[in-house]
Amino acid sequence: LLVDGDQNFRHTFASVAGEYGPVMVADSGADALALFRRSPVGLVFIGTGLGIMGAETLIKKIREVEPSPTRVVGLGVAADGPARPLYDAVMPRVFIPETLAHDLRPFV
């Protein structure tokens, strides 16, 4: 599951990640939570521009779903930023397909 407010990034990410398997996309934190509750997944990538429900709230809600062995990956999160401890991992938020494919390999 990818949640990101940027339509161009969602398209790029889904195109690249789609080579490894199905990708659900959401353009807001609220939409992502609704998708996750309907169909829990093991891997969630959280980008930027999530709307009224930000990353911190979304992660807390995902973690409340039982059982939830879901890994949460922050896209473009600073390694020493205040939100970093909420994520299981972080990776750069890039638009270059080859670089994105390389960065996704540890997760797929």
PDB file of N, CA and C in Angstrom:
ATOM      1  N   LEU A   1       0.853  -1.171   0.000  1.00  0.00           N
ATOM      2  CA  LEU A   1       0.000   0.000   0.000  1.00  0.00           C
ATOM      3  C   LEU A   1       0.896   1.231   0.000  1.00  0.00           C
ATOM      4  N   LEU A   2       0.651   2.140  -0.924  1.00  0.00           N
ATOM      5  CA  LEU A   2       1.348   3.418  -0.963  1.00  0.00           C
ATOM      6  C   LEU A   2       0.354   4.525  -0.685  1.00  0.00           C
ATOM      7  N   VAL A   3       0.721   5.428   0.210  1.00  0.00           N
ATOM      8  CA  VAL A   3      -0.088   6.630   0.422  1.00  0.00           C
ATOM      9  C   VAL A   3       0.815   7.831   0.205  1.00  0.00           C
ATOM     10  N   ASP A   4       0.394   8.690  -0.721  1.00  0.00           N
ATOM     11  CA  ASP A   4       1.155   9.893  -1.052  1.00  0.00           C
ATOM     12  C   ASP A   4       0.213  10.861  -1.749  1.00  0.00           C
ATOM     13  N   GLY A   5       0.334  12.130  -1.429  1.00  0.00           N
ATOM     14  CA  GLY A   5      -0.548  13.136  -1.999  1.00  0.00           C
ATOM     15  C   GLY A   5      -0.205  13.564  -3.410  1.00  0.00           C
ATOM     16  N   ASP A   6       0.932  13.148  -3.923  1.00  0.00           N
ATOM     17  CA  ASP A   6       1.387  13.557  -5.244  1.00  0.00           C
ATOM     18  C   ASP A   6       1.024  12.502  -6.287  1.00  0.00           C
ATOM     19  N   GLN A   7       0.111  12.839  -7.181  1.00  0.00           N
ATOM     20  CA  GLN A   7      -0.356  11.895  -8.192  1.00  0.00           C
ATOM     21  C   GLN A   7       0.782  11.383  -9.066  1.00  0.00           C
ATOM     22  N   ASN A   8       1.719  12.235  -9.427  1.00  0.00           N
ATOM     23  CA  ASN A   8       2.841  11.811 -10.264  1.00  0.00           C
ATOM     24  C   ASN A   8       3.717  10.790  -9.540  1.00  0.00           C
ATOM     25  N   PHE A   9       3.962  11.025  -8.241  1.00  0.00           N
ATOM     26  CA  PHE A   9       4.764  10.070  -7.491  1.00  0.00           C
ATOM     27  C   PHE A   9       4.022   8.746  -7.343  1.00  0.00           C
ATOM     28  N   ARG A  10       2.712   8.811  -7.049  1.00  0.00           N
ATOM     29  CA  ARG A  10       1.931   7.568  -6.932  1.00  0.00           C
ATOM     30  C   ARG A  10       2.024   6.755  -8.210  1.00  0.00           C
ATOM     31  N   HIS A  11       1.924   7.426  -9.348  1.00  0.00           N
ATOM     32  CA  HIS A  11       2.006   6.719 -10.631  1.00  0.00           C
ATOM     33  C   HIS A  11       3.379   6.076 -10.816  1.00  0.00           C
ATOM     34  N   THR A  12       4.442   6.843 -10.555  1.00  0.00           N
ATOM     35  CA  THR A  12       5.800   6.315 -10.707  1.00  0.00           C
ATOM     36  C   THR A  12       6.029   5.136  -9.776  1.00  0.00           C
ATOM     37  N   PHE A  13       5.662   5.306  -8.506  1.00  0.00           N
ATOM     38  CA  PHE A  13       5.860   4.247  -7.523  1.00  0.00           C
ATOM     39  C   PHE A  13       5.079   2.989  -7.910  1.00  0.00           C
ATOM     40  N   ALA A  14       3.810   3.148  -8.258  1.00  0.00           N
ATOM     41  CA  ALA A  14       2.977   1.997  -8.614  1.00  0.00           C
ATOM     42  C   ALA A  14       3.509   1.285  -9.843  1.00  0.00           C
ATOM     43  N   SER A  15       4.024   2.034 -10.799  1.00  0.00           N
ATOM     44  CA  SER A  15       4.584   1.422 -12.010  1.00  0.00           C
ATOM     45  C   SER A  15       5.811   0.576 -11.679  1.00  0.00           C
ATOM     46  N   VAL A  16       6.683   1.117 -10.855  1.00  0.00           N
ATOM     47  CA  VAL A  16       7.915   0.401 -10.496  1.00  0.00           C
ATOM     48  C   VAL A  16       7.619  -0.744  -9.540  1.00  0.00           C
ATOM     49  N   ALA A  17       6.900  -0.472  -8.462  1.00  0.00           N
ATOM     50  CA  ALA A  17       6.599  -1.501  -7.468  1.00  0.00           C
ATOM     51  C   ALA A  17       5.683  -2.579  -8.034  1.00  0.00           C
ATOM     52  N   GLY A  18       4.870  -2.218  -9.016  1.00  0.00           N
ATOM     53  CA  GLY A  18       3.973  -3.179  -9.648  1.00  0.00           C
ATOM     54  C   GLY A  18       4.695  -4.323 -10.324  1.00  0.00           C
ATOM     55  N   GLU A  19       5.970  -4.146 -10.604  1.00  0.00           N
ATOM     56  CA  GLU A  19       6.783  -5.232 -11.173  1.00  0.00           C
ATOM     57  C   GLU A  19       6.980  -6.353 -10.151  1.00  0.00           C
ATOM     58  N   TYR A  20       6.833  -6.052  -8.870  1.00  0.00           N
ATOM     59  CA  TYR A  20       7.053  -7.028  -7.806  1.00  0.00           C
ATOM     60  C   TYR A  20       5.765  -7.635  -7.279  1.00  0.00           C
ATOM     61  N   GLY A  21       4.628  -7.024  -7.606  1.00  0.00           N
ATOM     62  CA  GLY A  21       3.347  -7.519  -7.131  1.00  0.00           C
ATOM     63  C   GLY A  21       2.313  -6.410  -7.141  1.00  0.00           C
ATOM     64  N   PRO A  22       1.080  -6.719  -6.732  1.00  0.00           N
ATOM     65  CA  PRO A  22       0.009  -5.714  -6.745  1.00  0.00           C
ATOM     66  C   PRO A  22       0.290  -4.573  -5.773  1.00  0.00           C
ATOM     67  N   VAL A  23      -0.115  -3.376  -6.174  1.00  0.00           N
ATOM     68  CA  VAL A  23       0.085  -2.180  -5.359  1.00  0.00           C
ATOM     69  C   VAL A  23      -1.249  -1.453  -5.218  1.00  0.00           C
ATOM     70  N   MET A  24      -1.657  -1.230  -3.982  1.00  0.00           N
ATOM     71  CA  MET A  24      -2.818  -0.381  -3.723  1.00  0.00           C
ATOM     72  C   MET A  24      -2.276   1.015  -3.479  1.00  0.00           C
ATOM     73  N   VAL A  25      -3.001   2.023  -3.961  1.00  0.00           N
ATOM     74  CA  VAL A  25      -2.558   3.401  -3.758  1.00  0.00           C
ATOM     75  C   VAL A  25      -3.679   4.225  -3.144  1.00  0.00           C
ATOM     76  N   ALA A  26      -3.266   5.194  -2.340  1.00  0.00           N
ATOM     77  CA  ALA A  26      -4.208   6.122  -1.714  1.00  0.00           C
ATOM     78  C   ALA A  26      -3.585   7.502  -1.773  1.00  0.00           C
ATOM     79  N   ASP A  27      -4.433   8.509  -1.920  1.00  0.00           N
ATOM     80  CA  ASP A  27      -3.911   9.873  -2.015  1.00  0.00           C
ATOM     81  C   ASP A  27      -4.005  10.636  -0.700  1.00  0.00           C
ATOM     82  N   SER A  28      -4.518   9.984   0.357  1.00  0.00           N
ATOM     83  CA  SER A  28      -4.593  10.655   1.657  1.00  0.00           C
ATOM     84  C   SER A  28      -4.477   9.615   2.760  1.00  0.00           C
ATOM     85  N   GLY A  29      -4.162  10.098   3.954  1.00  0.00           N
ATOM     86  CA  GLY A  29      -4.080   9.205   5.095  1.00  0.00           C
ATOM     87  C   GLY A  29      -5.405   8.539   5.400  1.00  0.00           C
ATOM     88  N   ALA A  30      -6.502   9.284   5.290  1.00  0.00           N
ATOM     89  CA  ALA A  30      -7.826   8.723   5.558  1.00  0.00           C
ATOM     90  C   ALA A  30      -8.171   7.628   4.557  1.00  0.00           C
ATOM     91  N   ASP A  31      -7.883   7.855   3.268  1.00  0.00           N
ATOM     92  CA  ASP A  31      -8.148   6.830   2.252  1.00  0.00           C
ATOM     93  C   ASP A  31      -7.287   5.587   2.490  1.00  0.00           C
ATOM     94  N   ALA A  32      -6.032   5.801   2.873  1.00  0.00           N
ATOM     95  CA  ALA A  32      -5.130   4.675   3.134  1.00  0.00           C
ATOM     96  C   ALA A  32      -5.631   3.833   4.294  1.00  0.00           C
ATOM     97  N   LEU A  33      -6.103   4.483   5.358  1.00  0.00           N
ATOM     98  CA  LEU A  33      -6.614   3.748   6.501  1.00  0.00           C
ATOM     99  C   LEU A  33      -7.852   2.932   6.129  1.00  0.00           C
ATOM    100  N   ALA A  34      -8.733   3.516   5.334  1.00  0.00           N
ATOM    101  CA  ALA A  34      -9.930   2.785   4.892  1.00  0.00           C
ATOM    102  C   ALA A  34      -9.534   1.567   4.060  1.00  0.00           C
ATOM    103  N   LEU A  35      -8.592   1.727   3.143  1.00  0.00           N
ATOM    104  CA  LEU A  35      -8.109   0.598   2.340  1.00  0.00           C
ATOM    105  C   LEU A  35      -7.487  -0.466   3.237  1.00  0.00           C
ATOM    106  N   PHE A  36      -6.652  -0.034   4.169  1.00  0.00           N
ATOM    107  CA  PHE A  36      -5.970  -0.966   5.058  1.00  0.00           C
ATOM    108  C   PHE A  36      -6.964  -1.752   5.914  1.00  0.00           C
ATOM    109  N   ARG A  37      -7.983  -1.090   6.399  1.00  0.00           N
ATOM    110  CA  ARG A  37      -8.972  -1.785   7.236  1.00  0.00           C
ATOM    111  C   ARG A  37      -9.777  -2.805   6.432  1.00  0.00           C
ATOM    112  N   ARG A  38     -10.029  -2.498   5.161  1.00  0.00           N
ATOM    113  CA  ARG A  38     -10.752  -3.444   4.295  1.00  0.00           C
ATOM    114  C   ARG A  38      -9.867  -4.618   3.904  1.00  0.00           C
ATOM    115  N   SER A  39      -8.590  -4.330   3.683  1.00  0.00           N
ATOM    116  CA  SER A  39      -7.682  -5.363   3.199  1.00  0.00           C
ATOM    117  C   SER A  39      -6.282  -5.124   3.774  1.00  0.00           C
ATOM    118  N   PRO A  40      -6.035  -5.568   5.016  1.00  0.00           N
ATOM    119  CA  PRO A  40      -4.731  -5.349   5.629  1.00  0.00           C
ATOM    120  C   PRO A  40      -3.602  -5.925   4.768  1.00  0.00           C
ATOM    121  N   VAL A  41      -2.521  -5.201   4.728  1.00  0.00           N
ATOM    122  CA  VAL A  41      -1.353  -5.607   3.947  1.00  0.00           C
ATOM    123  C   VAL A  41      -0.140  -5.663   4.865  1.00  0.00           C
ATOM    124  N   GLY A  42       0.924  -6.280   4.392  1.00  0.00           N
ATOM    125  CA  GLY A  42       2.123  -6.436   5.187  1.00  0.00           C
ATOM    126  C   GLY A  42       3.133  -5.329   5.039  1.00  0.00           C
ATOM    127  N   LEU A  43       2.888  -4.425   4.074  1.00  0.00           N
ATOM    128  CA  LEU A  43       3.867  -3.385   3.796  1.00  0.00           C
ATOM    129  C   LEU A  43       3.156  -2.105   3.375  1.00  0.00           C
ATOM    130  N   VAL A  44       3.436  -1.015   4.091  1.00  0.00           N
ATOM    131  CA  VAL A  44       2.832   0.282   3.789  1.00  0.00           C
ATOM    132  C   VAL A  44       3.948   1.304   3.610  1.00  0.00           C
ATOM    133  N   PHE A  45       3.917   2.007   2.487  1.00  0.00           N
ATOM    134  CA  PHE A  45       4.854   3.096   2.213  1.00  0.00           C
ATOM    135  C   PHE A  45       4.107   4.403   2.405  1.00  0.00           C
ATOM    136  N   ILE A  46       4.654   5.272   3.243  1.00  0.00           N
ATOM    137  CA  ILE A  46       3.992   6.536   3.545  1.00  0.00           C
ATOM    138  C   ILE A  46       4.848   7.690   3.056  1.00  0.00           C
ATOM    139  N   GLY A  47       4.274   8.469   2.154  1.00  0.00           N
ATOM    140  CA  GLY A  47       4.968   9.609   1.574  1.00  0.00           C
ATOM    141  C   GLY A  47       4.540  10.912   2.210  1.00  0.00           C
ATOM    142  N   THR A  48       4.251  11.894   1.367  1.00  0.00           N
ATOM    143  CA  THR A  48       3.948  13.242   1.839  1.00  0.00           C
ATOM    144  C   THR A  48       2.564  13.671   1.383  1.00  0.00           C
ATOM    145  N   GLY A  49       2.110  14.809   1.928  1.00  0.00           N
ATOM    146  CA  GLY A  49       0.836  15.389   1.506  1.00  0.00           C
ATOM    147  C   GLY A  49      -0.351  14.505   1.788  1.00  0.00           C
ATOM    148  N   LEU A  50      -0.449  13.986   3.023  1.00  0.00           N
ATOM    149  CA  LEU A  50      -1.489  13.016   3.352  1.00  0.00           C
ATOM    150  C   LEU A  50      -2.830  13.625   3.713  1.00  0.00           C
ATOM    151  N   GLY A  51      -2.911  14.931   3.753  1.00  0.00           N
ATOM    152  CA  GLY A  51      -4.171  15.584   4.085  1.00  0.00           C
ATOM    153  C   GLY A  51      -4.379  15.690   5.579  1.00  0.00           C
ATOM    154  N   ILE A  52      -5.639  15.674   5.990  1.00  0.00           N
ATOM    155  CA  ILE A  52      -5.996  15.923   7.386  1.00  0.00           C
ATOM    156  C   ILE A  52      -5.455  14.860   8.336  1.00  0.00           C
ATOM    157  N   MET A  53      -5.348  13.610   7.878  1.00  0.00           N
ATOM    158  CA  MET A  53      -4.770  12.551   8.709  1.00  0.00           C
ATOM    159  C   MET A  53      -3.311  12.393   8.312  1.00  0.00           C
ATOM    160  N   GLY A  54      -2.441  12.905   9.131  1.00  0.00           N
ATOM    161  CA  GLY A  54      -1.016  12.851   8.843  1.00  0.00           C
ATOM    162  C   GLY A  54      -0.407  11.491   9.113  1.00  0.00           C
ATOM    163  N   ALA A  55       0.880  11.380   8.837  1.00  0.00           N
ATOM    164  CA  ALA A  55       1.598  10.115   8.962  1.00  0.00           C
ATOM    165  C   ALA A  55       1.544   9.554  10.383  1.00  0.00           C
ATOM    166  N   GLU A  56       1.738  10.392  11.383  1.00  0.00           N
ATOM    167  CA  GLU A  56       1.771   9.913  12.765  1.00  0.00           C
ATOM    168  C   GLU A  56       0.456   9.240  13.150  1.00  0.00           C
ATOM    169  N   THR A  57      -0.660   9.889  12.840  1.00  0.00           N
ATOM    170  CA  THR A  57      -1.968   9.315  13.157  1.00  0.00           C
ATOM    171  C   THR A  57      -2.217   8.046  12.349  1.00  0.00           C
ATOM    172  N   LEU A  58      -1.877   8.069  11.069  1.00  0.00           N
ATOM    173  CA  LEU A  58      -2.071   6.893  10.220  1.00  0.00           C
ATOM    174  C   LEU A  58      -1.297   5.697  10.758  1.00  0.00           C
ATOM    175  N   ILE A  59      -0.053   5.915  11.136  1.00  0.00           N
ATOM    176  CA  ILE A  59       0.761   4.813  11.654  1.00  0.00           C
ATOM    177  C   ILE A  59       0.156   4.259  12.938  1.00  0.00           C
ATOM    178  N   LYS A  60      -0.271   5.117  13.829  1.00  0.00           N
ATOM    179  CA  LYS A  60      -0.889   4.656  15.077  1.00  0.00           C
ATOM    180  C   LYS A  60      -2.135   3.828  14.803  1.00  0.00           C
ATOM    181  N   LYS A  61      -2.958   4.267  13.843  1.00  0.00           N
ATOM    182  CA  LYS A  61      -4.188   3.527  13.506  1.00  0.00           C
ATOM    183  C   LYS A  61      -3.856   2.180  12.874  1.00  0.00           C
ATOM    184  N   ILE A  62      -2.839   2.131  12.029  1.00  0.00           N
ATOM    185  CA  ILE A  62      -2.430   0.863  11.415  1.00  0.00           C
ATOM    186  C   ILE A  62      -1.951  -0.098  12.491  1.00  0.00           C
ATOM    187  N   ARG A  63      -1.181   0.406  13.438  1.00  0.00           N
ATOM    188  CA  ARG A  63      -0.634  -0.432  14.515  1.00  0.00           C
ATOM    189  C   ARG A  63      -1.735  -0.953  15.441  1.00  0.00           C
ATOM    190  N   GLU A  64      -2.892  -0.301  15.467  1.00  0.00           N
ATOM    191  CA  GLU A  64      -4.001  -0.742  16.319  1.00  0.00           C
ATOM    192  C   GLU A  64      -4.735  -1.947  15.748  1.00  0.00           C
ATOM    193  N   VAL A  65      -4.613  -2.185  14.442  1.00  0.00           N
ATOM    194  CA  VAL A  65      -5.309  -3.307  13.807  1.00  0.00           C
ATOM    195  C   VAL A  65      -4.642  -4.601  14.259  1.00  0.00           C
ATOM    196  N   GLU A  66      -5.434  -5.518  14.779  1.00  0.00           N
ATOM    197  CA  GLU A  66      -4.894  -6.778  15.299  1.00  0.00           C
ATOM    198  C   GLU A  66      -5.291  -7.934  14.408  1.00  0.00           C
ATOM    199  N   PRO A  67      -4.435  -8.877  14.123  1.00  0.00           N
ATOM    200  CA  PRO A  67      -2.992  -8.772  14.288  1.00  0.00           C
ATOM    201  C   PRO A  67      -2.418  -7.950  13.141  1.00  0.00           C
ATOM    202  N   SER A  68      -1.413  -7.167  13.400  1.00  0.00           N
ATOM    203  CA  SER A  68      -0.848  -6.315  12.373  1.00  0.00           C
ATOM    204  C   SER A  68       0.679  -6.433  12.319  1.00  0.00           C
ATOM    205  N   PRO A  69       1.164  -7.385  11.544  1.00  0.00           N
ATOM    206  CA  PRO A  69       2.605  -7.514  11.373  1.00  0.00           C
ATOM    207  C   PRO A  69       3.120  -6.582  10.265  1.00  0.00           C
ATOM    208  N   THR A  70       2.389  -5.531  10.014  1.00  0.00           N
ATOM    209  CA  THR A  70       2.677  -4.628   8.906  1.00  0.00           C
ATOM    210  C   THR A  70       3.951  -3.825   9.137  1.00  0.00           C
ATOM    211  N   ARG A  71       4.815  -3.814   8.122  1.00  0.00           N
ATOM    212  CA  ARG A  71       5.995  -2.949   8.145  1.00  0.00           C
ATOM    213  C   ARG A  71       5.607  -1.610   7.532  1.00  0.00           C
ATOM    214  N   VAL A  72       6.011  -0.536   8.178  1.00  0.00           N
ATOM    215  CA  VAL A  72       5.703   0.810   7.710  1.00  0.00           C
ATOM    216  C   VAL A  72       7.009   1.486   7.310  1.00  0.00           C
ATOM    217  N   VAL A  73       7.057   1.909   6.038  1.00  0.00           N
ATOM    218  CA  VAL A  73       8.260   2.530   5.487  1.00  0.00           C
ATOM    219  C   VAL A  73       7.964   3.991   5.173  1.00  0.00           C
ATOM    220  N   GLY A  74       8.771   4.876   5.711  1.00  0.00           N
ATOM    221  CA  GLY A  74       8.628   6.294   5.448  1.00  0.00           C
ATOM    222  C   GLY A  74       9.422   6.691   4.219  1.00  0.00           C
ATOM    223  N   LEU A  75       8.786   7.418   3.333  1.00  0.00           N
ATOM    224  CA  LEU A  75       9.442   7.885   2.111  1.00  0.00           C
ATOM    225  C   LEU A  75       9.900   9.320   2.311  1.00  0.00           C
ATOM    226  N   GLY A  76      11.196   9.534   2.254  1.00  0.00           N
ATOM    227  CA  GLY A  76      11.739  10.875   2.401  1.00  0.00           C
ATOM    228  C   GLY A  76      11.775  11.373   3.829  1.00  0.00           C
ATOM    229  N   VAL A  77      11.743  10.466   4.794  1.00  0.00           N
ATOM    230  CA  VAL A  77      11.783  10.830   6.207  1.00  0.00           C
ATOM    231  C   VAL A  77      13.239  11.018   6.627  1.00  0.00           C
ATOM    232  N   ALA A  78      13.523  12.107   7.303  1.00  0.00           N
ATOM    233  CA  ALA A  78      14.885  12.350   7.781  1.00  0.00           C
ATOM    234  C   ALA A  78      15.270  11.297   8.817  1.00  0.00           C
ATOM    235  N   ALA A  79      16.466  10.744   8.675  1.00  0.00           N
ATOM    236  CA  ALA A  79      16.939   9.691   9.574  1.00  0.00           C
ATOM    237  C   ALA A  79      16.943  10.134  11.031  1.00  0.00           C
ATOM    238  N   ASP A  80      17.120  11.433  11.266  1.00  0.00           N
ATOM    239  CA  ASP A  80      17.138  11.922  12.634  1.00  0.00           C
ATOM    240  C   ASP A  80      15.926  12.804  12.939  1.00  0.00           C
ATOM    241  N   GLY A  81      14.899  12.738  12.086  1.00  0.00           N
ATOM    242  CA  GLY A  81      13.702  13.549  12.273  1.00  0.00           C
ATOM    243  C   GLY A  81      12.835  13.037  13.403  1.00  0.00           C
ATOM    244  N   PRO A  82      11.933  13.868  13.900  1.00  0.00           N
ATOM    245  CA  PRO A  82      11.100  13.479  15.046  1.00  0.00           C
ATOM    246  C   PRO A  82      10.171  12.304  14.757  1.00  0.00           C
ATOM    247  N   ALA A  83       9.763  12.114  13.494  1.00  0.00           N
ATOM    248  CA  ALA A  83       8.840  11.024  13.162  1.00  0.00           C
ATOM    249  C   ALA A  83       9.570   9.708  12.894  1.00  0.00           C
ATOM    250  N   ARG A  84      10.875   9.732  12.761  1.00  0.00           N
ATOM    251  CA  ARG A  84      11.637   8.542  12.386  1.00  0.00           C
ATOM    252  C   ARG A  84      11.350   7.323  13.259  1.00  0.00           C
ATOM    253  N   PRO A  85      11.242   7.448  14.584  1.00  0.00           N
ATOM    254  CA  PRO A  85      10.995   6.252  15.405  1.00  0.00           C
ATOM    255  C   PRO A  85       9.664   5.552  15.119  1.00  0.00           C
ATOM    256  N   LEU A  86       8.729   6.216  14.483  1.00  0.00           N
ATOM    257  CA  LEU A  86       7.438   5.605  14.176  1.00  0.00           C
ATOM    258  C   LEU A  86       7.534   4.586  13.042  1.00  0.00           C
ATOM    259  N   TYR A  87       8.532   4.726  12.196  1.00  0.00           N
ATOM    260  CA  TYR A  87       8.676   3.876  11.015  1.00  0.00           C
ATOM    261  C   TYR A  87       9.559   2.670  11.308  1.00  0.00           C
ATOM    262  N   ASP A  88       9.283   1.578  10.595  1.00  0.00           N
ATOM    263  CA  ASP A  88      10.148   0.409  10.682  1.00  0.00           C
ATOM    264  C   ASP A  88      11.399   0.606   9.828  1.00  0.00           C
ATOM    265  N   ALA A  89      11.267   1.409   8.793  1.00  0.00           N
ATOM    266  CA  ALA A  89      12.385   1.696   7.888  1.00  0.00           C
ATOM    267  C   ALA A  89      12.063   2.979   7.138  1.00  0.00           C
ATOM    268  N   VAL A  90      13.069   3.555   6.534  1.00  0.00           N
ATOM    269  CA  VAL A  90      12.879   4.729   5.691  1.00  0.00           C
ATOM    270  C   VAL A  90      13.647   4.519   4.388  1.00  0.00           C
ATOM    271  N   MET A  91      13.203   5.202   3.361  1.00  0.00           N
ATOM    272  CA  MET A  91      13.911   5.197   2.090  1.00  0.00           C
ATOM    273  C   MET A  91      13.688   6.534   1.408  1.00  0.00           C
ATOM    274  N   PRO A  92      14.565   6.894   0.484  1.00  0.00           N
ATOM    275  CA  PRO A  92      14.396   8.173  -0.213  1.00  0.00           C
ATOM    276  C   PRO A  92      13.113   8.186  -1.041  1.00  0.00           C
ATOM    277  N   ARG A  93      12.570   9.341  -1.232  1.00  0.00           N
ATOM    278  CA  ARG A  93      11.389   9.529  -2.085  1.00  0.00           C
ATOM    279  C   ARG A  93      11.905  10.031  -3.424  1.00  0.00           C
ATOM    280  N   VAL A  94      12.061   9.124  -4.370  1.00  0.00           N
ATOM    281  CA  VAL A  94      12.674   9.459  -5.660  1.00  0.00           C
ATOM    282  C   VAL A  94      11.723   9.164  -6.817  1.00  0.00           C
ATOM    283  N   PHE A  95      11.915   9.893  -7.898  1.00  0.00           N
ATOM    284  CA  PHE A  95      11.086   9.731  -9.094  1.00  0.00           C
ATOM    285  C   PHE A  95      11.808   8.968 -10.208  1.00  0.00           C
ATOM    286  N   ILE A  96      13.063   8.670 -10.038  1.00  0.00           N
ATOM    287  CA  ILE A  96      13.834   7.976 -11.073  1.00  0.00           C
ATOM    288  C   ILE A  96      13.548   6.483 -10.954  1.00  0.00           C
ATOM    289  N   PRO A  97      12.908   5.885 -11.966  1.00  0.00           N
ATOM    290  CA  PRO A  97      12.481   4.484 -11.855  1.00  0.00           C
ATOM    291  C   PRO A  97      13.595   3.513 -11.475  1.00  0.00           C
ATOM    292  N   GLU A  98      14.772   3.658 -12.063  1.00  0.00           N
ATOM    293  CA  GLU A  98      15.861   2.731 -11.769  1.00  0.00           C
ATOM    294  C   GLU A  98      16.296   2.848 -10.306  1.00  0.00           C
ATOM    295  N   THR A  99      16.377   4.070  -9.807  1.00  0.00           N
ATOM    296  CA  THR A  99      16.770   4.291  -8.414  1.00  0.00           C
ATOM    297  C   THR A  99      15.685   3.775  -7.476  1.00  0.00           C
ATOM    298  N   LEU A 100      14.443   4.039  -7.806  1.00  0.00           N
ATOM    299  CA  LEU A 100      13.329   3.565  -6.992  1.00  0.00           C
ATOM    300  C   LEU A 100      13.315   2.041  -6.935  1.00  0.00           C
ATOM    301  N   ALA A 101      13.523   1.376  -8.068  1.00  0.00           N
ATOM    302  CA  ALA A 101      13.559  -0.081  -8.107  1.00  0.00           C
ATOM    303  C   ALA A 101      14.680  -0.612  -7.203  1.00  0.00           C
ATOM    304  N   HIS A 102      15.828   0.028  -7.251  1.00  0.00           N
ATOM    305  CA  HIS A 102      16.955  -0.361  -6.393  1.00  0.00           C
ATOM    306  C   HIS A 102      16.597  -0.204  -4.920  1.00  0.00           C
ATOM    307  N   ASP A 103      15.973   0.917  -4.573  1.00  0.00           N
ATOM    308  CA  ASP A 103      15.626   1.196  -3.184  1.00  0.00           C
ATOM    309  C   ASP A 103      14.528   0.270  -2.647  1.00  0.00           C
ATOM    310  N   LEU A 104      13.682  -0.244  -3.548  1.00  0.00           N
ATOM    311  CA  LEU A 104      12.594  -1.137  -3.140  1.00  0.00           C
ATOM    312  C   LEU A 104      13.059  -2.565  -2.876  1.00  0.00           C
ATOM    313  N   ARG A 105      14.179  -2.961  -3.436  1.00  0.00           N
ATOM    314  CA  ARG A 105      14.628  -4.360  -3.349  1.00  0.00           C
ATOM    315  C   ARG A 105      14.651  -4.934  -1.935  1.00  0.00           C
ATOM    316  N   PRO A 106      15.098  -4.190  -0.918  1.00  0.00           N
ATOM    317  CA  PRO A 106      15.092  -4.801   0.431  1.00  0.00           C
ATOM    318  C   PRO A 106      13.691  -5.097   0.979  1.00  0.00           C
ATOM    319  N   PHE A 107      12.679  -4.537   0.360  1.00  0.00           N
ATOM    320  CA  PHE A 107      11.317  -4.680   0.883  1.00  0.00           C
ATOM    321  C   PHE A 107      10.459  -5.677   0.115  1.00  0.00           C
ATOM    322  N   VAL A 108      10.917  -6.101  -1.048  1.00  0.00           N
ATOM    323  CA  VAL A 108      10.095  -6.989  -1.873  1.00  0.00           C
ATOM    324  C   VAL A 108      10.784  -8.322  -2.142  1.00  0.00           C
TER     325      VAL A 108
END
